Amino acid sequence: MNSIRLKTIASFIEKEDKVVDVGCDHAYLAIYLMKQELCQNVIATDINQNALKIAENHIKKEGLEEKIPTILSDGLKNVDQNVINTVVISGMGTATILHILENVLKERIKKIIIQSNNDLSRLRKETKKKGYYLQQEKVVFEKGHYYVIGIYTTEKNKMKKRELYFGIFSKENIFYYEYLWKEYQNINKKISYKHIKKKIKVLYQMHLLKKYVLFVVFKEKM
């Protein structure tokens, strides 16, 4: 498996984890986890029958059909959560991810690994409301895109507002914060004062981001 994104997701998996990969696509992650013996077991699911068929073909090609069960399911609806403790959800939008999390059994699922394609601040806020707290994030750049991958657990973690917007600070992610700053600058330039509420919101986010990381970014470059 050559995907930096999927290998980063796998880095959050531990030996004792019993994993379900929701929306497994081609099952590359599940296959990697089993071949490297990174967890106890893994289930691959997808809502799309055709996608699941492709996943099953890849699993069979690797000779892992006895070790990686596949389930056609809308999120976790058809998954027995008594046999898992870790959920992976990646490559989807925040609205879809939050829909999937509605069916999580908190007494069974202790860890959720999420890579959302958008609206990360909303994701962090809503998972916190559901009793899952962001513990760590890693950012990777692959094929022209930044991917933010977070690990959420039931261990309480009081997050500041700036962390809800931008994640838990890591020096390893400085390149990503620089990217965010440039993005906010570009957005701010395009918003006219006719849309004052939107402009104020963006300026406030820029203010938080500047306080949060710019000093560290400049210090690292000195």
Protein backbone atom coordinates (compact mmCIF):
# COMPACT_ATOMS: atom_id res chain seq x y z
CA MET A 1 0.00 0.00 0.00
CA ASN A 2 1.56 3.27 -1.15
CA SER A 3 -1.01 5.73 0.23
CA ILE A 4 0.48 8.11 2.81
CA ARG A 5 -3.04 8.92 3.99
CA LEU A 6 -3.98 5.31 4.68
CA LYS A 7 -0.63 4.54 6.32
CA THR A 8 -1.15 7.54 8.61
CA ILE A 9 -4.58 6.21 9.55
CA ALA A 10 -2.98 2.82 10.24
CA SER A 11 -0.45 4.50 12.56
CA PHE A 12 -3.31 5.22 14.99
CA ILE A 13 -4.24 1.52 15.16
CA GLU A 14 -2.96 -0.58 18.07
CA LYS A 15 -2.52 -4.33 18.50
CA GLU A 16 -5.57 -4.70 20.78
CA ASP A 17 -7.91 -2.89 18.40
CA LYS A 18 -10.87 -4.62 16.79
CA VAL A 19 -11.51 -2.46 13.76
CA VAL A 20 -14.30 -1.69 11.34
CA ASP A 21 -13.41 0.36 8.26
CA VAL A 22 -16.62 2.17 7.30
CA GLY A 23 -16.76 3.00 3.60
CA CYS A 24 -13.77 0.76 2.93
CA ASP A 25 -13.64 1.54 -0.80
CA HIS A 26 -11.11 -0.98 -2.21
CA ALA A 27 -10.26 -2.41 1.25
CA TYR A 28 -6.64 -1.32 0.98
CA LEU A 29 -6.55 -0.26 4.64
CA ALA A 30 -8.10 -3.52 5.90
CA ILE A 31 -5.68 -5.58 3.83
CA TYR A 32 -2.70 -3.57 5.09
CA LEU A 33 -3.77 -3.94 8.73
CA MET A 34 -4.10 -7.70 8.42
CA LYS A 35 -0.92 -8.27 6.41
CA GLN A 36 1.12 -6.21 8.87
CA GLU A 37 -0.69 -7.77 11.87
CA LEU A 38 -1.43 -4.32 13.30
CA CYS A 39 -4.72 -5.21 15.01
CA GLN A 40 -6.74 -8.16 16.32
CA ASN A 41 -9.24 -8.16 13.47
CA VAL A 42 -10.86 -5.88 10.89
CA ILE A 43 -14.23 -5.70 9.16
CA ALA A 44 -14.64 -3.90 5.82
CA THR A 45 -17.98 -2.24 5.07
CA ASP A 46 -19.46 -0.09 2.35
CA ILE A 47 -22.90 1.23 1.48
CA ASN A 48 -22.31 0.62 -2.21
CA GLN A 49 -22.67 -2.96 -3.48
CA ASN A 50 -20.33 -2.43 -6.43
CA ALA A 51 -17.63 -0.87 -4.26
CA LEU A 52 -17.93 -3.73 -1.78
CA LYS A 53 -17.58 -6.26 -4.60
CA ILE A 54 -14.33 -4.62 -5.68
CA ALA A 55 -13.14 -4.72 -2.06
CA GLU A 56 -14.01 -8.41 -1.82
CA ASN A 57 -12.06 -9.14 -5.01
CA HIS A 58 -8.98 -7.36 -3.61
CA ILE A 59 -9.29 -9.23 -0.31
CA LYS A 60 -9.60 -12.56 -2.14
CA LYS A 61 -6.60 -11.75 -4.32
CA GLU A 62 -4.53 -11.35 -1.14
CA GLY A 63 -5.85 -14.62 0.28
CA LEU A 64 -7.48 -12.86 3.23
CA GLU A 65 -11.15 -13.71 2.68
CA GLU A 66 -11.16 -15.80 5.88
CA LYS A 67 -9.67 -12.94 7.93
CA ILE A 68 -11.51 -9.87 6.58
CA PRO A 69 -15.31 -10.18 6.60
CA THR A 70 -17.21 -7.67 4.47
CA ILE A 71 -20.63 -6.18 5.23
CA LEU A 72 -22.99 -4.17 3.04
CA SER A 73 -24.11 -1.44 5.42
CA ASP A 74 -25.18 2.17 5.73
CA GLY A 75 -22.48 3.18 8.18
CA LEU A 76 -22.69 0.99 11.27
CA LYS A 77 -26.33 -0.06 10.94
CA ASN A 78 -25.59 -3.68 9.97
CA VAL A 79 -22.42 -4.02 12.06
CA ASP A 80 -22.36 -5.97 15.32
CA GLN A 81 -20.58 -3.50 17.60
CA ASN A 82 -20.03 -6.19 20.22
CA VAL A 83 -17.12 -7.52 18.17
CA ILE A 84 -15.37 -4.17 17.54
CA ASN A 85 -13.91 -1.34 19.62
CA THR A 86 -12.43 0.92 16.96
CA VAL A 87 -14.12 2.69 14.04
CA VAL A 88 -12.33 4.16 11.01
CA ILE A 89 -14.22 6.66 8.84
CA SER A 90 -12.25 8.35 6.07
CA GLY A 91 -12.71 10.04 2.73
CA MET A 92 -16.18 11.44 3.44
CA GLY A 93 -17.69 14.81 4.27
CA THR A 94 -18.46 15.86 7.84
CA ALA A 95 -22.25 15.68 7.37
CA THR A 96 -22.00 12.03 6.28
CA ILE A 97 -19.57 11.19 9.09
CA LEU A 98 -21.88 12.70 11.72
CA HIS A 99 -24.75 10.66 10.26
CA ILE A 100 -22.67 7.51 10.72
CA LEU A 101 -21.73 8.45 14.29
CA GLU A 102 -25.41 8.60 15.25
CA ASN A 103 -25.33 4.78 15.47
CA VAL A 104 -22.14 4.45 17.52
CA LEU A 105 -22.56 2.56 20.81
CA LYS A 106 -20.40 4.52 23.22
CA GLU A 107 -20.15 1.63 25.69
CA ARG A 108 -18.53 -0.51 22.97
CA ILE A 109 -16.55 1.91 20.76
CA LYS A 110 -13.60 3.44 22.57
CA LYS A 111 -11.75 4.95 19.62
CA ILE A 112 -12.77 6.59 16.34
CA ILE A 113 -10.27 7.56 13.65
CA ILE A 114 -11.64 10.16 11.26
CA GLN A 115 -10.45 11.83 8.08
CA SER A 116 -13.05 14.28 6.85
CA ASN A 117 -12.90 16.11 3.55
CA ASN A 118 -14.48 19.32 4.87
CA ASP A 119 -15.86 21.36 7.79
CA LEU A 120 -13.33 20.17 10.37
CA SER A 121 -14.32 22.67 13.07
CA ARG A 122 -17.90 21.38 12.98
CA LEU A 123 -16.62 17.80 13.14
CA ARG A 124 -14.55 18.51 16.26
CA LYS A 125 -17.44 20.28 17.97
CA GLU A 126 -20.07 17.66 17.19
CA THR A 127 -17.93 14.65 18.11
CA LYS A 128 -17.26 16.33 21.45
CA LYS A 129 -21.03 16.61 22.00
CA LYS A 130 -21.29 12.89 21.30
CA GLY A 131 -18.73 12.14 24.01
CA TYR A 132 -15.67 11.60 21.80
CA TYR A 133 -12.76 13.98 22.31
CA LEU A 134 -9.99 14.82 19.87
CA GLN A 135 -6.67 13.52 21.24
CA GLN A 136 -4.28 13.98 18.33
CA GLU A 137 -4.22 15.01 14.67
CA LYS A 138 -1.78 14.34 11.86
CA VAL A 139 -1.77 16.23 8.58
CA VAL A 140 -0.43 14.70 5.36
CA PHE A 141 -0.09 16.12 1.87
CA GLU A 142 -0.79 13.70 -0.96
CA LYS A 143 -1.73 14.14 -4.61
CA GLY A 144 -2.23 17.87 -4.22
CA HIS A 145 -4.46 17.70 -1.14
CA TYR A 146 -4.07 18.15 2.61
CA TYR A 147 -5.64 15.39 4.69
CA VAL A 148 -6.32 15.94 8.39
CA ILE A 149 -6.59 12.68 10.32
CA GLY A 150 -7.75 12.73 13.92
CA ILE A 151 -8.09 10.21 16.71
CA TYR A 152 -11.10 10.61 18.99
CA THR A 153 -11.59 8.70 22.24
CA THR A 154 -13.94 8.75 25.22
CA GLU A 155 -11.16 10.22 27.38
CA LYS A 156 -12.28 13.73 28.28
CA ASN A 157 -10.15 16.50 26.83
CA LYS A 158 -11.12 20.12 27.38
CA MET A 159 -10.54 21.87 24.08
CA LYS A 160 -10.04 25.59 23.60
CA LYS A 161 -11.94 27.43 20.88
CA ARG A 162 -8.84 27.73 18.70
CA GLU A 163 -8.33 23.97 18.94
CA LEU A 164 -11.90 23.36 17.78
CA TYR A 165 -11.16 25.53 14.74
CA PHE A 166 -7.64 24.35 13.91
CA GLY A 167 -6.99 21.13 15.84
CA ILE A 168 -4.47 20.32 18.56
CA PHE A 169 -1.24 22.13 17.74
CA SER A 170 1.70 20.10 16.50
CA LYS A 171 4.99 21.43 15.14
CA GLU A 172 4.80 18.65 12.56
CA ASN A 173 1.73 20.36 11.09
CA ILE A 174 3.23 23.84 10.69
CA PHE A 175 3.12 23.60 6.88
CA TYR A 176 -0.62 23.01 7.12
CA TYR A 177 -1.22 26.05 9.33
CA GLU A 178 0.70 28.18 6.85
CA TYR A 179 -1.58 26.85 4.13
CA LEU A 180 -4.67 27.71 6.23
CA TRP A 181 -3.39 31.26 6.78
CA LYS A 182 -2.99 31.81 3.05
CA GLU A 183 -6.44 30.36 2.42
CA TYR A 184 -8.04 32.71 4.94
CA GLN A 185 -6.21 35.66 3.39
CA ASN A 186 -7.54 34.74 -0.05
CA ILE A 187 -11.08 34.26 1.26
CA ASN A 188 -10.96 37.57 3.12
CA LYS A 189 -9.90 39.43 -0.04
CA LYS A 190 -12.89 38.06 -1.94
CA ILE A 191 -15.54 38.96 0.65
CA SER A 192 -17.00 42.43 0.25
CA TYR A 193 -18.28 44.43 3.21
CA LYS A 194 -21.78 43.86 1.84
CA HIS A 195 -21.41 40.45 3.51
CA ILE A 196 -20.17 41.87 6.79
CA LYS A 197 -21.12 38.91 9.00
CA LYS A 198 -19.16 36.47 6.85
CA LYS A 199 -16.19 38.84 6.72
CA ILE A 200 -16.17 39.27 10.51
CA LYS A 201 -16.23 35.49 10.95
CA VAL A 202 -13.25 35.01 8.63
CA LEU A 203 -11.32 37.86 10.28
CA TYR A 204 -11.99 36.30 13.69
CA GLN A 205 -10.68 32.94 12.49
CA MET A 206 -7.59 34.64 11.09
CA HIS A 207 -7.08 36.35 14.46
CA LEU A 208 -7.28 33.02 16.30
CA LEU A 209 -4.96 31.30 13.85
CA LYS A 210 -2.41 34.10 14.05
CA LYS A 211 -2.35 33.99 17.85
CA TYR A 212 -2.20 30.21 17.80
CA VAL A 213 0.63 29.44 15.42
CA LEU A 214 2.29 32.33 13.62
CA PHE A 215 4.76 33.04 16.40
CA VAL A 216 5.79 29.39 16.43
CA VAL A 217 5.99 29.26 12.62
CA PHE A 218 8.27 32.28 12.46
CA LYS A 219 10.33 31.03 15.39
CA GLU A 220 10.90 27.69 13.62
CA LYS A 221 12.14 29.51 10.52
CA MET A 222 14.65 31.67 12.40
